[in-house]
Amino acid sequence: MTESRVDERVINVADIDPQHRHAILFRLFEHLAPNESLQIVVDHDPRRLRLQLEALHGSRCGWSYLEQGPDLWRVRLRLLAHGDAREEGKPEC
């Protein structure tokens, strides 16, 4: 299992009411400082969330799978500074 960074907030998505999950995660992501990260833990591949974040933030959204199922997914989300995704070859949303 991949550990979280010392200053990284870990959100267990199961603890959030389903009808509010994406809205809360969008707000948490939008309040990250450049290059800060947030880790989400979920019981399915959060592919739809990734597509929505990509539509809103494009290459500023860093998305890294830390664990990929079958029962648990861990994803690290980073708000990249402008240009970081292209310059360093970091994964985009």
Protein backbone atom coordinates (compact mmCIF):
# COMPACT_ATOMS: atom_id res chain seq x y z
CA MET A 1 0.00 0.00 0.00
CA THR A 2 1.30 3.46 -0.86
CA GLU A 3 1.58 5.86 2.04
CA SER A 4 0.40 9.45 1.95
CA ARG A 5 2.80 12.34 2.09
CA VAL A 6 3.15 14.09 5.45
CA ASP A 7 1.26 17.19 4.29
CA GLU A 8 -1.20 15.35 2.05
CA ARG A 9 -4.87 15.17 2.95
CA VAL A 10 -6.39 11.70 2.48
CA ILE A 11 -10.12 11.58 1.71
CA ASN A 12 -12.06 8.34 1.97
CA VAL A 13 -14.80 8.98 -0.58
CA ALA A 14 -17.11 6.48 1.14
CA ASP A 15 -17.39 8.98 4.02
CA ILE A 16 -19.03 11.57 1.73
CA ASP A 17 -22.73 11.53 0.81
CA PRO A 18 -22.87 10.22 -2.78
CA GLN A 19 -24.88 13.16 -4.10
CA HIS A 20 -22.18 15.60 -2.89
CA ARG A 21 -18.98 13.65 -3.59
CA HIS A 22 -17.84 15.23 -6.83
CA ALA A 23 -18.74 18.76 -5.78
CA ILE A 24 -16.74 18.39 -2.56
CA LEU A 25 -13.77 16.84 -4.35
CA PHE A 26 -13.80 19.63 -6.98
CA ARG A 27 -13.70 22.25 -4.21
CA LEU A 28 -10.89 20.51 -2.36
CA PHE A 29 -8.90 20.25 -5.59
CA GLU A 30 -9.49 23.88 -6.53
CA HIS A 31 -8.20 25.01 -3.12
CA LEU A 32 -4.87 23.21 -3.46
CA ALA A 33 -1.85 25.43 -3.87
CA PRO A 34 0.28 24.69 -6.95
CA ASN A 35 2.07 21.36 -6.52
CA GLU A 36 0.10 20.43 -3.38
CA SER A 37 -1.63 17.06 -3.44
CA LEU A 38 -4.75 15.35 -2.21
CA GLN A 39 -5.22 11.60 -2.04
CA ILE A 40 -8.61 9.99 -2.55
CA VAL A 41 -9.54 6.46 -1.54
CA VAL A 42 -12.50 4.86 -3.29
CA ASP A 43 -13.98 1.40 -3.94
CA HIS A 44 -14.08 1.79 -7.75
CA ASP A 45 -12.03 3.35 -10.53
CA PRO A 46 -12.84 7.09 -10.32
CA ARG A 47 -12.56 7.49 -14.10
CA ARG A 48 -15.58 9.81 -14.37
CA LEU A 49 -14.08 12.17 -11.78
CA ARG A 50 -10.85 12.21 -13.79
CA LEU A 51 -12.70 13.16 -16.99
CA GLN A 52 -14.56 15.96 -15.21
CA LEU A 53 -11.38 17.35 -13.64
CA GLU A 54 -9.65 17.19 -17.02
CA ALA A 55 -12.50 19.14 -18.60
CA LEU A 56 -12.24 21.84 -15.93
CA HIS A 57 -8.48 22.05 -15.37
CA GLY A 58 -6.80 20.40 -18.35
CA SER A 59 -3.07 19.83 -17.93
CA ARG A 60 -3.00 21.50 -14.51
CA CYS A 61 -4.48 18.36 -12.99
CA GLY A 62 -1.90 15.74 -12.04
CA TRP A 63 -3.47 12.30 -11.61
CA SER A 64 -1.50 9.32 -10.30
CA TYR A 65 -2.93 5.93 -9.47
CA LEU A 66 -1.26 4.69 -6.28
CA GLU A 67 -3.39 1.54 -6.07
CA GLN A 68 -5.73 0.12 -8.74
CA GLY A 69 -8.29 -2.29 -7.37
CA PRO A 70 -9.88 -4.64 -7.53
CA ASP A 71 -11.43 -3.59 -4.21
CA LEU A 72 -9.65 -0.32 -3.48
CA TRP A 73 -8.31 2.55 -5.56
CA ARG A 74 -5.99 5.26 -4.28
CA VAL A 75 -5.38 8.30 -6.44
CA ARG A 76 -3.11 11.26 -5.84
CA LEU A 77 -4.43 14.51 -7.29
CA ARG A 78 -2.06 17.44 -7.73
CA LEU A 79 -2.70 20.96 -8.89
CA LEU A 80 0.28 21.51 -11.17
CA ALA A 81 1.84 24.90 -11.73
CA HIS A 82 1.34 26.14 -15.31
CA GLY A 83 3.60 24.22 -17.68
CA ASP A 84 4.65 21.50 -15.20
CA ALA A 85 2.74 18.67 -16.89
CA ARG A 86 4.34 19.22 -20.28
CA GLU A 87 7.81 20.17 -19.11
CA GLU A 88 8.32 17.27 -16.73
CA GLY A 89 6.24 14.62 -18.50
CA LYS A 90 3.94 14.25 -15.51
CA PRO A 91 0.64 12.43 -15.98
CA GLU A 92 -2.31 14.64 -16.76
CA CYS A 93 -5.90 14.09 -15.80
